[in-house]
């Protein structure tokens, strides 16, 4: 094990620069998904060792990048 580093009481961030990639960071959202869909991605996660939320994000990113469109019919509630 390495030598423990002692934390300072205060740090000087006056010369810090804003993260140029901050706009590209992920944003937390709430999605309602059925149990079968979550189970599918959790099973893939176990096989691959990649967290299931990351797999869902990768899949959706691939759909967006390739402009995939779902074919469906939606009847709004009246």
Protein backbone atom coordinates (compact mmCIF):
# COMPACT_ATOMS: atom_id res chain seq x y z
CA UNK A 1 0.00 0.00 0.00
CA UNK A 2 1.09 3.55 -0.69
CA UNK A 3 1.74 6.33 1.74
CA UNK A 4 -1.42 8.08 2.97
CA UNK A 5 -1.80 11.66 1.76
CA UNK A 6 -3.00 14.16 4.33
CA UNK A 7 -5.85 16.47 3.27
CA UNK A 8 -5.30 20.19 3.61
CA UNK A 9 -7.78 22.27 5.59
CA UNK A 10 -8.17 24.62 2.61
CA UNK A 11 -7.36 24.53 -1.09
CA UNK A 12 -6.77 27.52 -3.36
CA UNK A 13 -8.95 27.29 -6.48
CA UNK A 14 -8.42 30.91 -7.54
CA UNK A 15 -6.36 29.81 -10.57
CA UNK A 16 -8.69 26.92 -11.51
CA UNK A 17 -10.07 26.75 -15.04
CA UNK A 18 -13.60 25.75 -16.01
CA UNK A 19 -13.89 22.24 -17.44
CA UNK A 20 -14.09 22.68 -21.24
CA UNK A 21 -15.98 19.39 -21.51
CA UNK A 22 -18.63 20.28 -18.90
CA UNK A 23 -21.28 20.73 -21.61
CA UNK A 24 -20.69 17.18 -22.79
CA UNK A 25 -21.21 15.56 -19.41
CA UNK A 26 -24.14 13.23 -18.90
CA UNK A 27 -27.38 14.52 -17.48
CA UNK A 28 -29.54 12.56 -15.09
CA UNK A 29 -33.08 11.86 -16.29
CA UNK A 30 -35.91 9.68 -15.03
CA UNK A 31 -37.29 7.06 -17.41
CA UNK A 32 -40.11 4.63 -16.79
CA UNK A 33 -39.20 1.24 -18.23
CA UNK A 34 -40.88 -2.12 -17.93
CA UNK A 35 -39.26 -4.89 -15.91
CA UNK A 36 -38.52 -7.02 -19.00
CA UNK A 37 -36.46 -4.23 -20.57
CA UNK A 38 -34.51 -3.60 -17.39
CA UNK A 39 -33.98 -7.35 -16.97
CA UNK A 40 -32.67 -7.62 -20.53
CA UNK A 41 -30.07 -4.91 -20.01
CA UNK A 42 -29.12 -6.23 -16.56
CA UNK A 43 -28.49 -9.68 -18.09
CA UNK A 44 -26.32 -8.08 -20.79
CA UNK A 45 -24.50 -6.18 -18.06
CA UNK A 46 -23.66 -9.40 -16.22
CA UNK A 47 -22.34 -10.99 -19.43
CA UNK A 48 -20.25 -8.01 -20.46
CA UNK A 49 -19.21 -6.54 -17.12
CA UNK A 50 -20.53 -3.12 -18.22
CA UNK A 51 -23.10 -1.41 -15.94
CA UNK A 52 -26.64 -1.77 -17.30
CA UNK A 53 -27.29 1.98 -17.33
CA UNK A 54 -24.17 2.44 -19.46
CA UNK A 55 -25.42 -0.23 -21.87
CA UNK A 56 -28.79 1.51 -22.16
CA UNK A 57 -27.01 4.81 -22.85
CA UNK A 58 -24.76 3.19 -25.48
CA UNK A 59 -27.75 1.62 -27.21
CA UNK A 60 -29.73 4.87 -27.26
CA UNK A 61 -26.66 6.78 -28.45
CA UNK A 62 -26.27 4.27 -31.31
CA UNK A 63 -29.95 4.71 -32.22
CA UNK A 64 -29.56 8.49 -32.26
CA UNK A 65 -26.30 8.40 -34.25
CA UNK A 66 -27.78 6.11 -36.92
CA UNK A 67 -31.14 7.96 -36.93
CA UNK A 68 -33.08 4.78 -36.18
CA UNK A 69 -36.81 5.34 -36.02
CA UNK A 70 -39.26 3.07 -34.28
CA UNK A 71 -42.34 2.06 -36.26
CA UNK A 72 -45.40 2.22 -34.03
CA UNK A 73 -48.98 3.43 -33.81
CA UNK A 74 -49.97 5.56 -30.85
CA UNK A 75 -53.55 6.22 -29.85
CA UNK A 76 -53.71 9.09 -27.36
CA UNK A 77 -56.03 8.65 -24.38
CA UNK A 78 -59.31 10.49 -24.77
